[in-house]
Amino acid sequence: MNVSSLEVEGVLSRVPGVREVAVVGTPDPVWSEAVTAFIVREDGKPTDGTELMAAARRELAAFKVPKRVHYLPALPRDSQGKVLKRQLRELVVE
């Protein structure tokens, strides 16, 4: 199934405490690819996976809910400010 990263990012970005989010497909032994979210937290606002998963389950079909969530201090960007999703995929080593 195809998953729109923009749709999942939109849902997760509305969770309190989330400054930025990027969603990519990463290799998975069971699903071939798994929806994986990379989150940058707002300063001083803890956000845990429980809130993120609850929001995702409320608003998204089950196959679109991230299977993994990683927290980063910042998302990798190119010189124009575009998120480098290829680098995010490379961070997930299974």
PDB file of N, CA and C in Angstrom:
ATOM      1  N   MET A   1       0.837  -1.185   0.000  1.00  0.00           N
ATOM      2  CA  MET A   1       0.000   0.000   0.000  1.00  0.00           C
ATOM      3  C   MET A   1       0.878   1.243   0.000  1.00  0.00           C
ATOM      4  N   ASN A   2       0.460   2.236  -0.714  1.00  0.00           N
ATOM      5  CA  ASN A   2       1.180   3.503  -0.727  1.00  0.00           C
ATOM      6  C   ASN A   2       0.698   4.379   0.419  1.00  0.00           C
ATOM      7  N   VAL A   3       1.656   5.027   1.060  1.00  0.00           N
ATOM      8  CA  VAL A   3       1.344   5.921   2.170  1.00  0.00           C
ATOM      9  C   VAL A   3       1.887   7.300   1.825  1.00  0.00           C
ATOM     10  N   SER A   4       1.043   8.310   1.933  1.00  0.00           N
ATOM     11  CA  SER A   4       1.482   9.680   1.696  1.00  0.00           C
ATOM     12  C   SER A   4       2.197  10.203   2.939  1.00  0.00           C
ATOM     13  N   SER A   5       3.491  10.488   2.790  1.00  0.00           N
ATOM     14  CA  SER A   5       4.234  11.008   3.942  1.00  0.00           C
ATOM     15  C   SER A   5       3.652  12.346   4.388  1.00  0.00           C
ATOM     16  N   LEU A   6       3.160  13.147   3.461  1.00  0.00           N
ATOM     17  CA  LEU A   6       2.580  14.447   3.824  1.00  0.00           C
ATOM     18  C   LEU A   6       1.356  14.284   4.718  1.00  0.00           C
ATOM     19  N   GLU A   7       0.542  13.277   4.447  1.00  0.00           N
ATOM     20  CA  GLU A   7      -0.653  13.042   5.268  1.00  0.00           C
ATOM     21  C   GLU A   7      -0.248  12.673   6.698  1.00  0.00           C
ATOM     22  N   VAL A   8       0.691  11.750   6.837  1.00  0.00           N
ATOM     23  CA  VAL A   8       1.132  11.311   8.158  1.00  0.00           C
ATOM     24  C   VAL A   8       1.847  12.458   8.882  1.00  0.00           C
ATOM     25  N   GLU A   9       2.694  13.191   8.171  1.00  0.00           N
ATOM     26  CA  GLU A   9       3.386  14.340   8.763  1.00  0.00           C
ATOM     27  C   GLU A   9       2.395  15.384   9.265  1.00  0.00           C
ATOM     28  N   GLY A  10       1.333  15.614   8.502  1.00  0.00           N
ATOM     29  CA  GLY A  10       0.319  16.585   8.912  1.00  0.00           C
ATOM     30  C   GLY A  10      -0.337  16.217  10.226  1.00  0.00           C
ATOM     31  N   VAL A  11      -0.658  14.938  10.390  1.00  0.00           N
ATOM     32  CA  VAL A  11      -1.286  14.480  11.637  1.00  0.00           C
ATOM     33  C   VAL A  11      -0.311  14.616  12.803  1.00  0.00           C
ATOM     34  N   LEU A  12       0.910  14.134  12.631  1.00  0.00           N
ATOM     35  CA  LEU A  12       1.883  14.140  13.722  1.00  0.00           C
ATOM     36  C   LEU A  12       2.332  15.557  14.085  1.00  0.00           C
ATOM     37  N   SER A  13       2.360  16.445  13.113  1.00  0.00           N
ATOM     38  CA  SER A  13       2.813  17.813  13.393  1.00  0.00           C
ATOM     39  C   SER A  13       1.836  18.587  14.280  1.00  0.00           C
ATOM     40  N   ARG A  14       0.602  18.117  14.365  1.00  0.00           N
ATOM     41  CA  ARG A  14      -0.390  18.786  15.218  1.00  0.00           C
ATOM     42  C   ARG A  14      -0.334  18.342  16.676  1.00  0.00           C
ATOM     43  N   VAL A  15       0.483  17.343  16.984  1.00  0.00           N
ATOM     44  CA  VAL A  15       0.611  16.872  18.366  1.00  0.00           C
ATOM     45  C   VAL A  15       1.412  17.908  19.159  1.00  0.00           C
ATOM     46  N   PRO A  16       0.916  18.327  20.322  1.00  0.00           N
ATOM     47  CA  PRO A  16       1.649  19.306  21.124  1.00  0.00           C
ATOM     48  C   PRO A  16       3.063  18.817  21.444  1.00  0.00           C
ATOM     49  N   GLY A  17       4.018  19.731  21.311  1.00  0.00           N
ATOM     50  CA  GLY A  17       5.405  19.405  21.611  1.00  0.00           C
ATOM     51  C   GLY A  17       6.218  18.992  20.401  1.00  0.00           C
ATOM     52  N   VAL A  18       5.583  18.862  19.234  1.00  0.00           N
ATOM     53  CA  VAL A  18       6.299  18.492  18.013  1.00  0.00           C
ATOM     54  C   VAL A  18       6.629  19.758  17.237  1.00  0.00           C
ATOM     55  N   ARG A  19       7.921  20.011  17.036  1.00  0.00           N
ATOM     56  CA  ARG A  19       8.350  21.172  16.246  1.00  0.00           C
ATOM     57  C   ARG A  19       8.370  20.823  14.760  1.00  0.00           C
ATOM     58  N   GLU A  20       8.988  19.681  14.444  1.00  0.00           N
ATOM     59  CA  GLU A  20       9.099  19.249  13.051  1.00  0.00           C
ATOM     60  C   GLU A  20       8.928  17.743  12.987  1.00  0.00           C
ATOM     61  N   VAL A  21       8.495  17.283  11.827  1.00  0.00           N
ATOM     62  CA  VAL A  21       8.354  15.844  11.616  1.00  0.00           C
ATOM     63  C   VAL A  21       8.640  15.528  10.154  1.00  0.00           C
ATOM     64  N   ALA A  22       9.269  14.395   9.940  1.00  0.00           N
ATOM     65  CA  ALA A  22       9.474  13.867   8.594  1.00  0.00           C
ATOM     66  C   ALA A  22       9.144  12.382   8.646  1.00  0.00           C
ATOM     67  N   VAL A  23       8.487  11.883   7.614  1.00  0.00           N
ATOM     68  CA  VAL A  23       8.073  10.489   7.563  1.00  0.00           C
ATOM     69  C   VAL A  23       8.650   9.854   6.310  1.00  0.00           C
ATOM     70  N   VAL A  24       9.255   8.685   6.485  1.00  0.00           N
ATOM     71  CA  VAL A  24       9.843   7.953   5.360  1.00  0.00           C
ATOM     72  C   VAL A  24       9.504   6.471   5.509  1.00  0.00           C
ATOM     73  N   GLY A  25       9.676   5.744   4.429  1.00  0.00           N
ATOM     74  CA  GLY A  25       9.585   4.293   4.472  1.00  0.00           C
ATOM     75  C   GLY A  25      10.978   3.739   4.718  1.00  0.00           C
ATOM     76  N   THR A  26      11.087   2.805   5.650  1.00  0.00           N
ATOM     77  CA  THR A  26      12.380   2.186   5.948  1.00  0.00           C
ATOM     78  C   THR A  26      12.243   0.667   5.826  1.00  0.00           C
ATOM     79  N   PRO A  27      13.354  -0.013   5.524  1.00  0.00           N
ATOM     80  CA  PRO A  27      13.291  -1.473   5.353  1.00  0.00           C
ATOM     81  C   PRO A  27      12.715  -2.170   6.584  1.00  0.00           C
ATOM     82  N   ASP A  28      11.892  -3.168   6.316  1.00  0.00           N
ATOM     83  CA  ASP A  28      11.271  -3.926   7.396  1.00  0.00           C
ATOM     84  C   ASP A  28      11.173  -5.386   6.959  1.00  0.00           C
ATOM     85  N   PRO A  29      11.607  -6.308   7.823  1.00  0.00           N
ATOM     86  CA  PRO A  29      11.581  -7.715   7.429  1.00  0.00           C
ATOM     87  C   PRO A  29      10.173  -8.286   7.244  1.00  0.00           C
ATOM     88  N   VAL A  30       9.194  -7.722   7.923  1.00  0.00           N
ATOM     89  CA  VAL A  30       7.822  -8.238   7.831  1.00  0.00           C
ATOM     90  C   VAL A  30       7.030  -7.518   6.747  1.00  0.00           C
ATOM     91  N   TRP A  31       7.099  -6.189   6.728  1.00  0.00           N
ATOM     92  CA  TRP A  31       6.248  -5.389   5.858  1.00  0.00           C
ATOM     93  C   TRP A  31       6.948  -4.953   4.573  1.00  0.00           C
ATOM     94  N   SER A  32       8.189  -5.328   4.359  1.00  0.00           N
ATOM     95  CA  SER A  32       9.001  -4.852   3.242  1.00  0.00           C
ATOM     96  C   SER A  32       9.469  -3.422   3.512  1.00  0.00           C
ATOM     97  N   GLU A  33       8.529  -2.527   3.750  1.00  0.00           N
ATOM     98  CA  GLU A  33       8.849  -1.171   4.203  1.00  0.00           C
ATOM     99  C   GLU A  33       7.899  -0.796   5.328  1.00  0.00           C
ATOM    100  N   ALA A  34       8.438  -0.076   6.302  1.00  0.00           N
ATOM    101  CA  ALA A  34       7.627   0.363   7.440  1.00  0.00           C
ATOM    102  C   ALA A  34       7.590   1.881   7.475  1.00  0.00           C
ATOM    103  N   VAL A  35       6.437   2.432   7.841  1.00  0.00           N
ATOM    104  CA  VAL A  35       6.301   3.875   8.017  1.00  0.00           C
ATOM    105  C   VAL A  35       7.114   4.248   9.259  1.00  0.00           C
ATOM    106  N   THR A  36       8.053   5.171   9.082  1.00  0.00           N
ATOM    107  CA  THR A  36       8.940   5.589  10.167  1.00  0.00           C
ATOM    108  C   THR A  36       8.897   7.104  10.284  1.00  0.00           C
ATOM    109  N   ALA A  37       8.681   7.588  11.496  1.00  0.00           N
ATOM    110  CA  ALA A  37       8.596   9.032  11.748  1.00  0.00           C
ATOM    111  C   ALA A  37       9.849   9.505  12.478  1.00  0.00           C
ATOM    112  N   PHE A  38      10.350  10.646  12.056  1.00  0.00           N
ATOM    113  CA  PHE A  38      11.470  11.318  12.715  1.00  0.00           C
ATOM    114  C   PHE A  38      10.927  12.620  13.283  1.00  0.00           C
ATOM    115  N   ILE A  39      11.069  12.795  14.589  1.00  0.00           N
ATOM    116  CA  ILE A  39      10.456  13.911  15.302  1.00  0.00           C
ATOM    117  C   ILE A  39      11.518  14.808  15.906  1.00  0.00           C
ATOM    118  N   VAL A  40      11.323  16.121  15.745  1.00  0.00           N
ATOM    119  CA  VAL A  40      12.106  17.119  16.467  1.00  0.00           C
ATOM    120  C   VAL A  40      11.152  17.737  17.474  1.00  0.00           C
ATOM    121  N   ARG A  41      11.514  17.628  18.746  1.00  0.00           N
ATOM    122  CA  ARG A  41      10.657  18.140  19.813  1.00  0.00           C
ATOM    123  C   ARG A  41      10.824  19.647  19.976  1.00  0.00           C
ATOM    124  N   GLU A  42       9.750  20.292  20.437  1.00  0.00           N
ATOM    125  CA  GLU A  42       9.845  21.701  20.834  1.00  0.00           C
ATOM    126  C   GLU A  42      10.676  21.775  22.096  1.00  0.00           C
ATOM    127  N   ASP A  43      11.434  22.847  22.259  1.00  0.00           N
ATOM    128  CA  ASP A  43      12.267  23.009  23.441  1.00  0.00           C
ATOM    129  C   ASP A  43      11.419  22.986  24.701  1.00  0.00           C
ATOM    130  N   GLY A  44      11.830  22.141  25.644  1.00  0.00           N
ATOM    131  CA  GLY A  44      11.170  22.102  26.938  1.00  0.00           C
ATOM    132  C   GLY A  44       9.828  21.402  26.967  1.00  0.00           C
ATOM    133  N   LYS A  45       9.392  20.845  25.843  1.00  0.00           N
ATOM    134  CA  LYS A  45       8.095  20.167  25.811  1.00  0.00           C
ATOM    135  C   LYS A  45       8.307  18.696  25.479  1.00  0.00           C
ATOM    136  N   PRO A  46       8.190  17.843  26.483  1.00  0.00           N
ATOM    137  CA  PRO A  46       8.380  16.426  26.197  1.00  0.00           C
ATOM    138  C   PRO A  46       7.221  15.876  25.371  1.00  0.00           C
ATOM    139  N   THR A  47       7.551  15.103  24.395  1.00  0.00           N
ATOM    140  CA  THR A  47       6.556  14.421  23.578  1.00  0.00           C
ATOM    141  C   THR A  47       6.965  12.965  23.553  1.00  0.00           C
ATOM    142  N   ASP A  48       6.074  12.105  23.951  1.00  0.00           N
ATOM    143  CA  ASP A  48       6.436  10.696  23.905  1.00  0.00           C
ATOM    144  C   ASP A  48       5.649   9.990  22.802  1.00  0.00           C
ATOM    145  N   GLY A  49       6.035   8.787  22.532  1.00  0.00           N
ATOM    146  CA  GLY A  49       5.397   8.017  21.479  1.00  0.00           C
ATOM    147  C   GLY A  49       3.934   7.740  21.729  1.00  0.00           C
ATOM    148  N   THR A  50       3.505   7.760  22.989  1.00  0.00           N
ATOM    149  CA  THR A  50       2.114   7.486  23.319  1.00  0.00           C
ATOM    150  C   THR A  50       1.188   8.514  22.689  1.00  0.00           C
ATOM    151  N   GLU A  51       1.510   9.796  22.857  1.00  0.00           N
ATOM    152  CA  GLU A  51       0.678  10.861  22.269  1.00  0.00           C
ATOM    153  C   GLU A  51       0.680  10.778  20.749  1.00  0.00           C
ATOM    154  N   LEU A  52       1.856  10.558  20.182  1.00  0.00           N
ATOM    155  CA  LEU A  52       1.971  10.484  18.724  1.00  0.00           C
ATOM    156  C   LEU A  52       1.147   9.329  18.162  1.00  0.00           C
ATOM    157  N   MET A  53       1.276   8.165  18.777  1.00  0.00           N
ATOM    158  CA  MET A  53       0.557   6.989  18.287  1.00  0.00           C
ATOM    159  C   MET A  53      -0.948   7.134  18.476  1.00  0.00           C
ATOM    160  N   ALA A  54      -1.360   7.748  19.569  1.00  0.00           N
ATOM    161  CA  ALA A  54      -2.798   7.965  19.793  1.00  0.00           C
ATOM    162  C   ALA A  54      -3.371   8.868  18.702  1.00  0.00           C
ATOM    163  N   ALA A  55      -2.672   9.942  18.380  1.00  0.00           N
ATOM    164  CA  ALA A  55      -3.133  10.846  17.324  1.00  0.00           C
ATOM    165  C   ALA A  55      -3.159  10.132  15.982  1.00  0.00           C
ATOM    166  N   ALA A  56      -2.118   9.373  15.694  1.00  0.00           N
ATOM    167  CA  ALA A  56      -2.050   8.655  14.420  1.00  0.00           C
ATOM    168  C   ALA A  56      -3.184   7.637  14.308  1.00  0.00           C
ATOM    169  N   ARG A  57      -3.436   6.897  15.367  1.00  0.00           N
ATOM    170  CA  ARG A  57      -4.495   5.877  15.331  1.00  0.00           C
ATOM    171  C   ARG A  57      -5.893   6.485  15.198  1.00  0.00           C
ATOM    172  N   ARG A  58      -6.075   7.683  15.766  1.00  0.00           N
ATOM    173  CA  ARG A  58      -7.374   8.369  15.659  1.00  0.00           C
ATOM    174  C   ARG A  58      -7.640   8.842  14.242  1.00  0.00           C
ATOM    175  N   GLU A  59      -6.603   9.302  13.555  1.00  0.00           N
ATOM    176  CA  GLU A  59      -6.817  10.013  12.289  1.00  0.00           C
ATOM    177  C   GLU A  59      -6.369   9.280  11.028  1.00  0.00           C
ATOM    178  N   LEU A  60      -5.632   8.188  11.192  1.00  0.00           N
ATOM    179  CA  LEU A  60      -5.087   7.507  10.022  1.00  0.00           C
ATOM    180  C   LEU A  60      -5.538   6.049   9.966  1.00  0.00           C
ATOM    181  N   ALA A  61      -5.550   5.511   8.765  1.00  0.00           N
ATOM    182  CA  ALA A  61      -5.788   4.073   8.611  1.00  0.00           C
ATOM    183  C   ALA A  61      -4.640   3.324   9.278  1.00  0.00           C
ATOM    184  N   ALA A  62      -4.904   2.116   9.740  1.00  0.00           N
ATOM    185  CA  ALA A  62      -3.916   1.355  10.516  1.00  0.00           C
ATOM    186  C   ALA A  62      -2.591   1.188   9.777  1.00  0.00           C
ATOM    187  N   PHE A  63      -2.621   0.968   8.458  1.00  0.00           N
ATOM    188  CA  PHE A  63      -1.370   0.752   7.731  1.00  0.00           C
ATOM    189  C   PHE A  63      -0.543   2.030   7.578  1.00  0.00           C
ATOM    190  N   LYS A  64      -1.124   3.190   7.881  1.00  0.00           N
ATOM    191  CA  LYS A  64      -0.405   4.465   7.784  1.00  0.00           C
ATOM    192  C   LYS A  64       0.221   4.890   9.112  1.00  0.00           C
ATOM    193  N   VAL A  65      -0.138   4.243  10.200  1.00  0.00           N
ATOM    194  CA  VAL A  65       0.396   4.582  11.522  1.00  0.00           C
ATOM    195  C   VAL A  65       1.874   4.191  11.556  1.00  0.00           C
ATOM    196  N   PRO A  66       2.758   5.090  11.980  1.00  0.00           N
ATOM    197  CA  PRO A  66       4.188   4.754  12.018  1.00  0.00           C
ATOM    198  C   PRO A  66       4.463   3.509  12.868  1.00  0.00           C
ATOM    199  N   LYS A  67       5.330   2.672  12.334  1.00  0.00           N
ATOM    200  CA  LYS A  67       5.753   1.473  13.074  1.00  0.00           C
ATOM    201  C   LYS A  67       6.931   1.805  13.984  1.00  0.00           C
ATOM    202  N   ARG A  68       7.665   2.868  13.628  1.00  0.00           N
ATOM    203  CA  ARG A  68       8.826   3.313  14.418  1.00  0.00           C
ATOM    204  C   ARG A  68       8.792   4.824  14.529  1.00  0.00           C
ATOM    205  N   VAL A  69       9.298   5.321  15.679  1.00  0.00           N
ATOM    206  CA  VAL A  69       9.436   6.759  15.894  1.00  0.00           C
ATOM    207  C   VAL A  69      10.843   7.003  16.423  1.00  0.00           C
ATOM    208  N   HIS A  70      11.558   7.932  15.795  1.00  0.00           N
ATOM    209  CA  HIS A  70      12.905   8.317  16.223  1.00  0.00           C
ATOM    210  C   HIS A  70      12.895   9.811  16.538  1.00  0.00           C
ATOM    211  N   TYR A  71      13.606  10.181  17.583  1.00  0.00           N
ATOM    212  CA  TYR A  71      13.698  11.584  17.983  1.00  0.00           C
ATOM    213  C   TYR A  71      15.083  12.108  17.616  1.00  0.00           C
ATOM    214  N   LEU A  72      15.118  13.272  16.978  1.00  0.00           N
ATOM    215  CA  LEU A  72      16.370  13.897  16.566  1.00  0.00           C
ATOM    216  C   LEU A  72      16.414  15.335  17.083  1.00  0.00           C
ATOM    217  N   PRO A  73      17.617  15.885  17.261  1.00  0.00           N
ATOM    218  CA  PRO A  73      17.715  17.292  17.655  1.00  0.00           C
ATOM    219  C   PRO A  73      17.348  18.224  16.498  1.00  0.00           C
ATOM    220  N   ALA A  74      17.558  17.759  15.249  1.00  0.00           N
ATOM    221  CA  ALA A  74      17.215  18.541  14.056  1.00  0.00           C
ATOM    222  C   ALA A  74      17.106  17.579  12.875  1.00  0.00           C
ATOM    223  N   LEU A  75      16.326  17.960  11.883  1.00  0.00           N
ATOM    224  CA  LEU A  75      16.235  17.167  10.660  1.00  0.00           C
ATOM    225  C   LEU A  75      17.356  17.592   9.711  1.00  0.00           C
ATOM    226  N   PRO A  76      17.971  16.633   9.010  1.00  0.00           N
ATOM    227  CA  PRO A  76      19.018  17.001   8.052  1.00  0.00           C
ATOM    228  C   PRO A  76      18.401  17.747   6.872  1.00  0.00           C
ATOM    229  N   ARG A  77      19.057  18.824   6.455  1.00  0.00           N
ATOM    230  CA  ARG A  77      18.533  19.649   5.351  1.00  0.00           C
ATOM    231  C   ARG A  77      19.643  19.978   4.362  1.00  0.00           C
ATOM    232  N   ASP A  78      19.230  20.253   3.127  1.00  0.00           N
ATOM    233  CA  ASP A  78      20.203  20.704   2.130  1.00  0.00           C
ATOM    234  C   ASP A  78      20.328  22.222   2.194  1.00  0.00           C
ATOM    235  N   SER A  79      21.100  22.793   1.296  1.00  0.00           N
ATOM    236  CA  SER A  79      21.363  24.242   1.340  1.00  0.00           C
ATOM    237  C   SER A  79      20.110  25.087   1.083  1.00  0.00           C
ATOM    238  N   GLN A  80      19.077  24.503   0.472  1.00  0.00           N
ATOM    239  CA  GLN A  80      17.819  25.222   0.249  1.00  0.00           C
ATOM    240  C   GLN A  80      16.823  25.006   1.385  1.00  0.00           C
ATOM    241  N   GLY A  81      17.189  24.189   2.365  1.00  0.00           N
ATOM    242  CA  GLY A  81      16.305  23.942   3.502  1.00  0.00           C
ATOM    243  C   GLY A  81      15.400  22.734   3.357  1.00  0.00           C
ATOM    244  N   LYS A  82      15.546  21.975   2.272  1.00  0.00           N
ATOM    245  CA  LYS A  82      14.717  20.786   2.050  1.00  0.00           C
ATOM    246  C   LYS A  82      15.220  19.643   2.945  1.00  0.00           C
ATOM    247  N   VAL A  83      14.277  18.922   3.562  1.00  0.00           N
ATOM    248  CA  VAL A  83      14.628  17.783   4.412  1.00  0.00           C
ATOM    249  C   VAL A  83      15.218  16.675   3.536  1.00  0.00           C
ATOM    250  N   LEU A  84      16.350  16.145   3.981  1.00  0.00           N
ATOM    251  CA  LEU A  84      17.038  15.081   3.253  1.00  0.00           C
ATOM    252  C   LEU A  84      16.542  13.716   3.745  1.00  0.00           C
ATOM    253  N   LYS A  85      15.457  13.267   3.148  1.00  0.00           N
ATOM    254  CA  LYS A  85      14.829  12.028   3.597  1.00  0.00           C
ATOM    255  C   LYS A  85      15.709  10.812   3.342  1.00  0.00           C
ATOM    256  N   ARG A  86      16.555  10.863   2.341  1.00  0.00           N
ATOM    257  CA  ARG A  86      17.475   9.749   2.091  1.00  0.00           C
ATOM    258  C   ARG A  86      18.405   9.551   3.290  1.00  0.00           C
ATOM    259  N   GLN A  87      18.883  10.654   3.867  1.00  0.00           N
ATOM    260  CA  GLN A  87      19.741  10.549   5.050  1.00  0.00           C
ATOM    261  C   GLN A  87      18.971   9.976   6.243  1.00  0.00           C
ATOM    262  N   LEU A  88      17.706  10.316   6.349  1.00  0.00           N
ATOM    263  CA  LEU A  88      16.900   9.764   7.438  1.00  0.00           C
ATOM    264  C   LEU A  88      16.766   8.251   7.282  1.00  0.00           C
ATOM    265  N   ARG A  89      16.527   7.784   6.067  1.00  0.00           N
ATOM    266  CA  ARG A  89      16.429   6.339   5.831  1.00  0.00           C
ATOM    267  C   ARG A  89      17.718   5.634   6.241  1.00  0.00           C
ATOM    268  N   GLU A  90      18.846   6.276   5.970  1.00  0.00           N
ATOM    269  CA  GLU A  90      20.146   5.681   6.286  1.00  0.00           C
ATOM    270  C   GLU A  90      20.401   5.603   7.791  1.00  0.00           C
ATOM    271  N   LEU A  91      19.695   6.423   8.581  1.00  0.00           N
ATOM    272  CA  LEU A  91      19.856   6.378  10.031  1.00  0.00           C
ATOM    273  C   LEU A  91      19.286   5.109  10.653  1.00  0.00           C
ATOM    274  N   VAL A  92      18.339   4.506   9.952  1.00  0.00           N
ATOM    275  CA  VAL A  92      17.679   3.303  10.465  1.00  0.00           C
ATOM    276  C   VAL A  92      18.426   2.083   9.946  1.00  0.00           C
ATOM    277  N   VAL A  93      19.194   1.473  10.805  1.00  0.00           N
ATOM    278  CA  VAL A  93      19.956   0.274  10.429  1.00  0.00           C
ATOM    279  C   VAL A  93      19.349  -0.905  11.159  1.00  0.00           C
ATOM    280  N   GLU A  94      18.812  -1.808  10.422  1.00  0.00           N
ATOM    281  CA  GLU A  94      18.173  -2.994  11.040  1.00  0.00           C
ATOM    282  C   GLU A  94      18.976  -4.218  10.705  1.00  0.00           C
TER     283      GLU A  94
END
